[in-house]
C-alpha atoms as a PDB file:
ATOM      1  CA  MET A   1       0.150   0.095  -0.105  1.00  0.00           C
ATOM      2  CA  THR A   2       1.124   3.989  -0.267  1.00  0.00           C
ATOM      3  CA  LEU A   3       0.929   6.526   1.058  1.00  0.00           C
ATOM      4  CA  THR A   4       0.580   9.585   0.103  1.00  0.00           C
ATOM      5  CA  LYS A   5       2.007  13.169   1.986  1.00  0.00           C
ATOM      6  CA  ASN A   6      -1.052  14.219   3.015  1.00  0.00           C
ATOM      7  CA  LYS A   7      -1.805  18.315   4.620  1.00  0.00           C
ATOM      8  CA  CYS A   8       0.109  17.542   8.333  1.00  0.00           C
ATOM      9  CA  GLY A   9       3.111  16.998   5.575  1.00  0.00           C
ATOM     10  CA  LEU A  10       3.179  12.947   7.362  1.00  0.00           C
ATOM     11  CA  ASN A  11       4.853  10.406   4.956  1.00  0.00           C
ATOM     12  CA  ILE A  12       5.185   7.482   5.228  1.00  0.00           C
ATOM     13  CA  PRO A  13       7.660   6.003   6.976  1.00  0.00           C
ATOM     14  CA  LEU A  14      11.138   6.045   6.609  1.00  0.00           C
ATOM     15  CA  PRO A  15      12.305   2.959   4.360  1.00  0.00           C
ATOM     16  CA  ASN A  16      13.120  -0.120   6.842  1.00  0.00           C
ATOM     17  CA  THR A  17      16.749  -0.885   4.885  1.00  0.00           C
ATOM     18  CA  MET A  18      18.142   2.360   6.551  1.00  0.00           C
ATOM     19  CA  THR A  19      21.052   1.466   9.206  1.00  0.00           C
ATOM     20  CA  ASP A  20      22.019   2.272  12.617  1.00  0.00           C
ATOM     21  CA  ASP A  21      23.907   5.137  11.330  1.00  0.00           C
ATOM     22  CA  GLU A  22      22.088   6.551   8.829  1.00  0.00           C
ATOM     23  CA  LEU A  23      18.654   6.752  11.220  1.00  0.00           C
ATOM     24  CA  TYR A  24      20.637   8.387  13.643  1.00  0.00           C
ATOM     25  CA  SER A  25      21.984  11.439  11.004  1.00  0.00           C
ATOM     26  CA  TYR A  26      18.278  11.714  10.392  1.00  0.00           C
ATOM     27  CA  PHE A  27      17.827  12.015  13.897  1.00  0.00           C
ATOM     28  CA  VAL A  28      20.462  14.268  15.145  1.00  0.00           C
ATOM     29  CA  LYS A  29      19.543  16.573  11.678  1.00  0.00           C
ATOM     30  CA  ASN A  30      15.716  16.493  11.889  1.00  0.00           C
ATOM     31  CA  ILE A  31      15.108  16.105  15.508  1.00  0.00           C
ATOM     32  CA  TYR A  32      18.212  17.173  17.844  1.00  0.00           C
ATOM     33  CA  HIS A  33      18.820  19.898  14.883  1.00  0.00           C
ATOM     34  CA  GLY A  34      15.548  20.823  14.230  1.00  0.00           C
ATOM     35  CA  ASN A  35      14.006  23.377  16.139  1.00  0.00           C
ATOM     36  CA  LEU A  36      11.511  22.509  17.903  1.00  0.00           C
ATOM     37  CA  LYS A  37       8.595  23.974  19.404  1.00  0.00           C
ATOM     38  CA  ILE A  38       6.073  23.944  21.319  1.00  0.00           C
ATOM     39  CA  ASN A  39       3.904  26.826  22.540  1.00  0.00           C
ATOM     40  CA  GLY A  40       6.862  28.973  22.526  1.00  0.00           C
ATOM     41  CA  MET A  41       8.945  26.404  24.279  1.00  0.00           C
ATOM     42  CA  ASN A  42      12.099  24.360  22.956  1.00  0.00           C
ATOM     43  CA  VAL A  43      11.610  20.883  22.434  1.00  0.00           C
ATOM     44  CA  LYS A  44      14.303  18.836  23.224  1.00  0.00           C
ATOM     45  CA  VAL A  45      15.668  15.186  23.369  1.00  0.00           C
ATOM     46  CA  PHE A  46      18.020  13.511  26.775  1.00  0.00           C
ATOM     47  CA  THR A  47      21.241  13.842  25.339  1.00  0.00           C
ATOM     48  CA  THR A  48      22.906  11.989  28.274  1.00  0.00           C
ATOM     49  CA  PRO A  49      23.988   9.431  29.051  1.00  0.00           C
ATOM     50  CA  PHE A  50      25.799   8.734  25.750  1.00  0.00           C
ATOM     51  CA  GLU A  51      25.350   4.873  24.634  1.00  0.00           C
ATOM     52  CA  ASP A  52      27.643   3.662  21.361  1.00  0.00           C
ATOM     53  CA  ASN A  53      28.200   6.640  21.045  1.00  0.00           C
ATOM     54  CA  ARG A  54      24.727   7.636  20.747  1.00  0.00           C
ATOM     55  CA  MET A  55      23.305  10.102  22.566  1.00  0.00           C
ATOM     56  CA  GLN A  56      20.658   8.822  25.179  1.00  0.00           C
ATOM     57  CA  GLY A  57      17.409  10.442  22.661  1.00  0.00           C
ATOM     58  CA  PHE A  58      17.015   8.340  20.212  1.00  0.00           C
ATOM     59  CA  PHE A  59      17.538   4.976  21.864  1.00  0.00           C
ATOM     60  CA  HIS A  60      13.792   6.868  23.519  1.00  0.00           C
ATOM     61  CA  LEU A  61      13.021   6.614  19.480  1.00  0.00           C
ATOM     62  CA  THR A  62      13.394   3.928  18.200  1.00  0.00           C
ATOM     63  CA  THR A  63      13.758   0.934  20.677  1.00  0.00           C
ATOM     64  CA  LYS A  64      12.275  -1.037  23.437  1.00  0.00           C
ATOM     65  CA  THR A  65      14.658  -2.568  25.984  1.00  0.00           C
ATOM     66  CA  LYS A  66      14.748  -6.723  26.836  1.00  0.00           C
ATOM     67  CA  LYS A  67      15.420  -8.417  29.812  1.00  0.00           C
ATOM     68  CA  ASN A  68      17.006 -11.955  28.455  1.00  0.00           C
ATOM     69  CA  PHE A  69      18.825 -14.054  30.960  1.00  0.00           C
ATOM     70  CA  GLY A  70      19.430 -10.996  33.460  1.00  0.00           C
ATOM     71  CA  ILE A  71      21.502  -8.412  30.291  1.00  0.00           C
ATOM     72  CA  LYS A  72      19.845  -5.861  29.191  1.00  0.00           C
ATOM     73  CA  ILE A  73      19.059  -5.965  25.175  1.00  0.00           C
ATOM     74  CA  ARG A  74      18.050  -3.156  23.350  1.00  0.00           C
ATOM     75  CA  MET A  75      15.597  -4.168  19.889  1.00  0.00           C
ATOM     76  CA  ARG A  76      15.288  -1.826  17.523  1.00  0.00           C
ATOM     77  CA  GLU A  77      11.629  -2.190  16.967  1.00  0.00           C
ATOM     78  CA  GLN A  78       9.505  -1.393  13.843  1.00  0.00           C
ATOM     79  CA  ARG A  79       8.688   2.913  15.242  1.00  0.00           C
ATOM     80  CA  ALA A  80      12.372   3.449  14.450  1.00  0.00           C
ATOM     81  CA  TYR A  81      11.506   4.415  10.685  1.00  0.00           C
ATOM     82  CA  PHE A  82       8.431   6.506  12.155  1.00  0.00           C
ATOM     83  CA  ILE A  83      10.854   8.888  13.706  1.00  0.00           C
ATOM     84  CA  ASN A  84      10.406  11.549  10.296  1.00  0.00           C
ATOM     85  CA  TYR A  85       7.140  11.980  11.502  1.00  0.00           C
ATOM     86  CA  ILE A  86       8.448  14.003  15.336  1.00  0.00           C
ATOM     87  CA  VAL A  87       9.016  16.925  13.276  1.00  0.00           C
ATOM     88  CA  PRO A  88       5.340  17.000  11.150  1.00  0.00           C
ATOM     89  CA  MET A  89       3.241  16.572  13.937  1.00  0.00           C
ATOM     90  CA  ILE A  90       5.292  19.007  16.303  1.00  0.00           C
ATOM     91  CA  ASN A  91       4.904  21.318  13.572  1.00  0.00           C
ATOM     92  CA  ASN A  92       1.499  21.015  12.393  1.00  0.00           C
ATOM     93  CA  TYR A  93      -0.582  20.597  15.046  1.00  0.00           C
ATOM     94  CA  SER A  94      -2.125  23.693  15.257  1.00  0.00           C
ATOM     95  CA  LYS A  95      -2.638  23.817  12.578  1.00  0.00           C
ATOM     96  CA  CYS A  96      -5.636  21.216  12.500  1.00  0.00           C
ATOM     97  CA  LYS A  97      -7.513  23.556  14.186  1.00  0.00           C
ATOM     98  CA  THR A  98      -8.647  24.957  10.881  1.00  0.00           C
ATOM     99  CA  CYS A  99      -7.807  22.481   8.178  1.00  0.00           C
ATOM    100  CA  ASP A 100     -11.046  21.752   6.421  1.00  0.00           C
ATOM    101  CA  ASP A 101      -9.074  18.535   4.975  1.00  0.00           C
ATOM    102  CA  ASN A 102     -12.304  16.547   6.513  1.00  0.00           C
ATOM    103  CA  ASN A 103     -10.297  12.915   5.090  1.00  0.00           C
ATOM    104  CA  CYS A 104      -7.275  14.007   6.994  1.00  0.00           C
ATOM    105  CA  SER A 105      -7.531  12.195  10.831  1.00  0.00           C
ATOM    106  CA  LYS A 106      -5.735  14.624  12.174  1.00  0.00           C
ATOM    107  CA  ILE A 107      -3.344  15.016  15.012  1.00  0.00           C
ATOM    108  CA  LYS A 108      -4.395  15.284  18.331  1.00  0.00           C
ATOM    109  CA  ILE A 109      -2.886  17.257  21.190  1.00  0.00           C
ATOM    110  CA  TRP A 110      -3.920  17.275  25.644  1.00  0.00           C
ATOM    111  CA  THR A 111      -2.248  16.748  28.491  1.00  0.00           C
ATOM    112  CA  ALA A 112      -2.748  13.872  31.075  1.00  0.00           C
ATOM    113  CA  PRO A 113      -1.579  13.548  34.711  1.00  0.00           C
ATOM    114  CA  TYR A 114       1.585  11.250  34.815  1.00  0.00           C
ATOM    115  CA  LYS A 115       2.867  11.285  38.235  1.00  0.00           C
ATOM    116  CA  ASN A 116       3.568  13.954  39.866  1.00  0.00           C
ATOM    117  CA  THR A 117       3.313  16.153  36.231  1.00  0.00           C
ATOM    118  CA  LYS A 118       1.383  16.385  33.756  1.00  0.00           C
ATOM    119  CA  ARG A 119       2.930  14.727  29.596  1.00  0.00           C
ATOM    120  CA  THR A 120       1.592  16.114  26.824  1.00  0.00           C
ATOM    121  CA  LYS A 121       0.639  13.435  24.527  1.00  0.00           C
ATOM    122  CA  ILE A 122       0.983  14.349  21.142  1.00  0.00           C
ATOM    123  CA  LEU A 123      -0.939  11.533  18.175  1.00  0.00           C
ATOM    124  CA  TYR A 124      -1.604  10.743  15.094  1.00  0.00           C
ATOM    125  CA  SER A 125      -3.709   7.847  13.886  1.00  0.00           C
ATOM    126  CA  ASN A 126      -4.845   6.650  10.604  1.00  0.00           C
ATOM    127  CA  HIS A 127      -6.988   3.512   9.037  1.00  0.00           C
ATOM    128  CA  CYS A 128      -2.419   1.559   8.635  1.00  0.00           C
ATOM    129  CA  HIS A 129      -1.375   3.104  11.503  1.00  0.00           C
ATOM    130  CA  SER A 130      -1.241   5.441  15.117  1.00  0.00           C
ATOM    131  CA  TYR A 131       2.237   7.223  16.547  1.00  0.00           C
ATOM    132  CA  ILE A 132       2.272   9.468  19.994  1.00  0.00           C
ATOM    133  CA  ILE A 133       4.715  11.814  21.025  1.00  0.00           C
ATOM    134  CA  ILE A 134       4.871  12.150  25.014  1.00  0.00           C
ATOM    135  CA  LEU A 135       6.815  15.114  25.937  1.00  0.00           C
ATOM    136  CA  GLU A 136       7.148  16.820  29.177  1.00  0.00           C
ATOM    137  CA  GLN A 137       8.038  19.977  30.459  1.00  0.00           C
ATOM    138  CA  LYS A 138      11.503  20.902  32.357  1.00  0.00           C
ATOM    139  CA  LYS A 139      11.772  23.960  33.690  1.00  0.00           C
ATOM    140  CA  ASN A 140      11.248  26.047  30.317  1.00  0.00           C
ATOM    141  CA  ASP A 141      11.614  23.142  28.010  1.00  0.00           C
ATOM    142  CA  MET A 142       9.044  19.972  26.481  1.00  0.00           C
ATOM    143  CA  PHE A 143      11.036  16.761  26.599  1.00  0.00           C
ATOM    144  CA  ILE A 144      10.740  14.552  24.281  1.00  0.00           C
ATOM    145  CA  ILE A 145      10.470  10.895  26.696  1.00  0.00           C
ATOM    146  CA  SER A 146       8.940   9.082  24.076  1.00  0.00           C
ATOM    147  CA  SER A 147       7.237   8.137  21.377  1.00  0.00           C
ATOM    148  CA  TYR A 148       6.361   5.217  19.620  1.00  0.00           C
ATOM    149  CA  LEU A 149       3.672   3.223  17.281  1.00  0.00           C
ATOM    150  CA  ILE A 150       0.759   1.904  18.477  1.00  0.00           C
ATOM    151  CA  ASP A 151       0.862  -1.808  18.017  1.00  0.00           C
ATOM    152  CA  GLU A 152      -0.347  -4.112  20.764  1.00  0.00           C
ATOM    153  CA  PRO A 153      -4.032  -4.602  20.213  1.00  0.00           C
ATOM    154  CA  GLY A 154      -6.848  -2.081  21.939  1.00  0.00           C
ATOM    155  CA  TYR A 155      -3.912   0.522  23.263  1.00  0.00           C
ATOM    156  CA  LEU A 156      -4.492   2.717  20.289  1.00  0.00           C
ATOM    157  CA  ASN A 157      -8.096   2.622  22.106  1.00  0.00           C
ATOM    158  CA  LYS A 158      -6.426   3.713  25.543  1.00  0.00           C
ATOM    159  CA  VAL A 159      -5.158   6.417  24.081  1.00  0.00           C
ATOM    160  CA  LEU A 160      -8.327   7.303  22.044  1.00  0.00           C
ATOM    161  CA  LYS A 161     -10.359   7.012  25.553  1.00  0.00           C
ATOM    162  CA  GLU A 162      -7.184   9.621  27.574  1.00  0.00           C
ATOM    163  CA  TYR A 163      -8.143  11.698  24.993  1.00  0.00           C
ATOM    164  CA  TYR A 164     -11.801  12.163  24.812  1.00  0.00           C
ATOM    165  CA  LYS A 165     -12.020  12.671  28.241  1.00  0.00           C
ATOM    166  CA  TYR A 166      -9.399  15.380  28.009  1.00  0.00           C
ATOM    167  CA  GLN A 167     -11.521  17.025  24.496  1.00  0.00           C
ATOM    168  CA  LYS A 168     -14.804  16.221  27.990  1.00  0.00           C
ATOM    169  CA  ASN A 169     -12.978  18.319  30.231  1.00  0.00           C
ATOM    170  CA  SER A 170     -12.138  21.202  28.982  1.00  0.00           C
END
């Protein structure tokens, strides 16, 4: 199935033939140096600790940690190829309120409590896949805590329920 670019700037995922080095270069150029902002706050990634000469924030977006045999193993996930969704989702979520494309699923944004703070969540979901970005404010900046492809059965419904609850209370 071929997807075309929509008004939000979301395109097909990056090719799964990209190497770890190519993915990391994409991350550094477009996300770390991307000058991303939400409500006037800079959007940043965690830089330390470095692991395999790569910033910690890169792993938050591309891998899942598995604990097998008593050691931690980082497994590159399918979500790694969706990191090209982060920039357009952050840059274009506010345009969804005025967008006249009724066929678009629209980017959804809301806040939700998490421990002693609140997290901002940005979701894009269409008939092919769903992708979420989770941010948390630290002082005057927003940090990307994680982002991932929603592929567990029933999880999208749980996320949408949280979003509609926020909408109802806003």
